[in-house]
């Protein structure tokens, strides 16, 4: 299970958090600067990893039953 949070502007993805990498990755100049800022905050990264536990792991049973 992987938790991904993407941010878009004008239909173009500029930054993405991936729980498998555990950090943000930027795709343009703005995204790279924002990724650097967010990756330097360990509490924010911990919050996003906790979101994976809270959202994905709690709902996996429901999703597999529906399939």
N, C-alpha and C. Protein backbone atom coordinates (compact mmCIF):
# COMPACT_ATOMS: atom_id res chain seq x y z
N UNK A 1 0.85 -1.17 0.00
CA UNK A 1 0.00 0.00 0.00
C UNK A 1 0.89 1.23 0.00
N UNK A 2 0.54 2.16 -0.85
CA UNK A 2 1.30 3.40 -0.94
C UNK A 2 0.35 4.58 -0.84
N UNK A 3 0.72 5.55 -0.03
CA UNK A 3 -0.04 6.79 0.12
C UNK A 3 0.64 7.85 -0.73
N UNK A 4 -0.10 8.46 -1.65
CA UNK A 4 0.45 9.49 -2.53
C UNK A 4 -0.40 10.74 -2.39
N UNK A 5 0.25 11.86 -2.18
CA UNK A 5 -0.43 13.16 -2.16
C UNK A 5 0.25 14.03 -3.21
N UNK A 6 -0.53 14.43 -4.22
CA UNK A 6 0.00 15.22 -5.32
C UNK A 6 -0.63 16.61 -5.31
N UNK A 7 0.13 17.57 -5.75
CA UNK A 7 -0.33 18.95 -5.87
C UNK A 7 -0.20 19.38 -7.32
N UNK A 8 -1.28 20.00 -7.82
CA UNK A 8 -1.34 20.41 -9.22
C UNK A 8 -1.60 21.91 -9.32
N UNK A 9 -1.08 22.49 -10.40
CA UNK A 9 -1.39 23.87 -10.75
C UNK A 9 -1.50 23.91 -12.27
N UNK A 10 -2.60 24.44 -12.78
CA UNK A 10 -2.87 24.48 -14.22
C UNK A 10 -2.75 23.09 -14.85
N UNK A 11 -3.31 22.09 -14.18
CA UNK A 11 -3.34 20.70 -14.65
C UNK A 11 -1.96 20.05 -14.74
N UNK A 12 -0.96 20.66 -14.13
CA UNK A 12 0.40 20.10 -14.13
C UNK A 12 0.81 19.78 -12.69
N UNK A 13 1.25 18.56 -12.49
CA UNK A 13 1.72 18.18 -11.16
C UNK A 13 3.07 18.84 -10.91
N UNK A 14 3.18 19.49 -9.76
CA UNK A 14 4.45 20.15 -9.46
C UNK A 14 5.13 19.59 -8.23
N UNK A 15 4.43 18.84 -7.40
CA UNK A 15 5.06 18.24 -6.22
C UNK A 15 4.24 17.03 -5.81
N UNK A 16 4.93 16.00 -5.27
CA UNK A 16 4.25 14.78 -4.84
C UNK A 16 4.95 14.20 -3.61
N UNK A 17 4.11 13.76 -2.66
CA UNK A 17 4.60 12.99 -1.52
C UNK A 17 4.26 11.54 -1.77
N UNK A 18 5.25 10.68 -1.61
CA UNK A 18 5.05 9.24 -1.76
C UNK A 18 5.49 8.57 -0.47
N UNK A 19 4.61 7.76 0.11
CA UNK A 19 4.96 7.11 1.38
C UNK A 19 6.06 6.07 1.20
N UNK A 20 6.21 5.52 0.00
CA UNK A 20 7.29 4.55 -0.22
C UNK A 20 8.65 5.23 -0.21
N UNK A 21 8.72 6.48 -0.65
CA UNK A 21 9.96 7.25 -0.59
C UNK A 21 10.09 7.97 0.75
N UNK A 22 8.96 8.33 1.34
CA UNK A 22 8.96 9.02 2.62
C UNK A 22 9.35 10.48 2.53
N UNK A 23 9.23 11.06 1.34
CA UNK A 23 9.59 12.46 1.16
C UNK A 23 8.85 13.04 -0.03
N UNK A 24 8.96 14.35 -0.19
CA UNK A 24 8.37 15.05 -1.32
C UNK A 24 9.37 15.09 -2.47
N UNK A 25 8.82 15.05 -3.68
CA UNK A 25 9.62 15.17 -4.89
C UNK A 25 9.01 16.28 -5.72
N UNK A 26 9.84 17.23 -6.14
CA UNK A 26 9.37 18.34 -6.97
C UNK A 26 9.63 18.07 -8.43
N UNK A 27 8.76 18.60 -9.30
CA UNK A 27 8.87 18.36 -10.73
C UNK A 27 9.15 19.61 -11.55
N UNK A 28 9.18 20.76 -10.91
CA UNK A 28 9.57 21.99 -11.59
C UNK A 28 10.26 22.88 -10.56
N UNK A 29 10.59 24.10 -10.95
CA UNK A 29 11.34 24.99 -10.07
C UNK A 29 10.60 25.27 -8.76
N UNK A 30 9.33 25.57 -8.86
CA UNK A 30 8.52 25.85 -7.67
C UNK A 30 8.40 24.60 -6.81
N UNK A 31 8.13 23.45 -7.44
CA UNK A 31 7.98 22.20 -6.71
C UNK A 31 9.26 21.78 -6.01
N UNK A 32 10.40 22.00 -6.64
CA UNK A 32 11.67 21.65 -6.01
C UNK A 32 11.93 22.48 -4.75
N UNK A 33 11.62 23.77 -4.82
CA UNK A 33 11.80 24.63 -3.65
C UNK A 33 10.85 24.23 -2.52
N UNK A 34 9.60 23.94 -2.88
CA UNK A 34 8.62 23.55 -1.87
C UNK A 34 8.98 22.19 -1.27
N UNK A 35 9.44 21.27 -2.09
CA UNK A 35 9.83 19.94 -1.61
C UNK A 35 10.99 20.06 -0.63
N UNK A 36 11.94 20.92 -0.93
CA UNK A 36 13.08 21.12 -0.03
C UNK A 36 12.61 21.65 1.33
N UNK A 37 11.68 22.59 1.30
CA UNK A 37 11.16 23.17 2.55
C UNK A 37 10.39 22.14 3.35
N UNK A 38 9.50 21.39 2.70
CA UNK A 38 8.68 20.41 3.42
C UNK A 38 9.50 19.22 3.89
N UNK A 39 10.50 18.81 3.12
CA UNK A 39 11.34 17.68 3.52
C UNK A 39 12.23 18.02 4.71
N UNK A 40 12.45 19.30 4.95
CA UNK A 40 13.27 19.69 6.09
C UNK A 40 12.48 19.72 7.40
N UNK A 41 11.18 19.46 7.34
CA UNK A 41 10.33 19.46 8.53
C UNK A 41 9.94 18.02 8.88
N UNK A 42 10.66 17.37 9.80
CA UNK A 42 10.38 15.97 10.12
C UNK A 42 8.99 15.74 10.72
N UNK A 43 8.44 16.74 11.41
CA UNK A 43 7.11 16.56 11.98
C UNK A 43 6.04 16.49 10.89
N UNK A 44 6.20 17.25 9.82
CA UNK A 44 5.24 17.22 8.71
C UNK A 44 5.33 15.88 7.97
N UNK A 45 6.55 15.38 7.78
CA UNK A 45 6.71 14.08 7.12
C UNK A 45 6.12 12.97 7.99
N UNK A 46 6.29 13.06 9.30
CA UNK A 46 5.71 12.07 10.21
C UNK A 46 4.19 12.12 10.15
N UNK A 47 3.62 13.31 10.02
CA UNK A 47 2.17 13.45 9.92
C UNK A 47 1.65 12.77 8.66
N UNK A 48 2.35 12.92 7.55
CA UNK A 48 1.91 12.30 6.30
C UNK A 48 2.05 10.79 6.36
N UNK A 49 3.10 10.30 6.99
CA UNK A 49 3.24 8.85 7.15
C UNK A 49 2.15 8.31 8.08
N UNK A 50 1.75 9.09 9.06
CA UNK A 50 0.65 8.69 9.94
C UNK A 50 -0.67 8.69 9.18
N UNK A 51 -0.81 9.58 8.19
CA UNK A 51 -2.01 9.58 7.35
C UNK A 51 -2.14 8.27 6.59
N UNK A 52 -1.02 7.70 6.18
CA UNK A 52 -1.06 6.39 5.51
C UNK A 52 -1.64 5.35 6.46
N UNK A 53 -1.18 5.34 7.69
CA UNK A 53 -1.69 4.38 8.67
C UNK A 53 -3.17 4.65 8.95
N UNK A 54 -3.53 5.90 9.12
CA UNK A 54 -4.89 6.26 9.49
C UNK A 54 -5.87 6.01 8.36
N UNK A 55 -5.52 6.38 7.15
CA UNK A 55 -6.47 6.31 6.05
C UNK A 55 -6.36 4.98 5.28
N UNK A 56 -5.18 4.63 4.84
CA UNK A 56 -5.03 3.46 3.97
C UNK A 56 -5.25 2.15 4.72
N UNK A 57 -4.58 1.98 5.84
CA UNK A 57 -4.66 0.71 6.55
C UNK A 57 -6.04 0.48 7.15
N UNK A 58 -6.74 1.52 7.53
CA UNK A 58 -8.09 1.35 8.07
C UNK A 58 -9.09 0.98 6.99
N UNK A 59 -8.87 1.39 5.75
CA UNK A 59 -9.84 1.17 4.69
C UNK A 59 -9.50 0.00 3.77
N UNK A 60 -8.38 -0.63 3.96
CA UNK A 60 -7.97 -1.70 3.03
C UNK A 60 -8.95 -2.87 3.08
N UNK A 61 -9.45 -3.22 4.25
CA UNK A 61 -10.41 -4.31 4.36
C UNK A 61 -11.70 -4.00 3.63
N UNK A 62 -12.16 -2.77 3.71
CA UNK A 62 -13.38 -2.35 3.03
C UNK A 62 -13.19 -2.43 1.51
N UNK A 63 -12.04 -1.97 1.04
CA UNK A 63 -11.78 -1.95 -0.40
C UNK A 63 -11.68 -3.37 -0.96
N UNK A 64 -11.05 -4.27 -0.24
CA UNK A 64 -10.93 -5.65 -0.72
C UNK A 64 -12.27 -6.38 -0.68
N UNK A 65 -13.11 -6.08 0.26
CA UNK A 65 -14.44 -6.70 0.31
C UNK A 65 -15.29 -6.25 -0.87
N UNK A 66 -15.16 -4.99 -1.24
CA UNK A 66 -15.95 -4.44 -2.33
C UNK A 66 -15.51 -4.98 -3.69
N UNK A 67 -14.26 -5.39 -3.79
CA UNK A 67 -13.73 -5.86 -5.08
C UNK A 67 -14.12 -7.23 -5.40
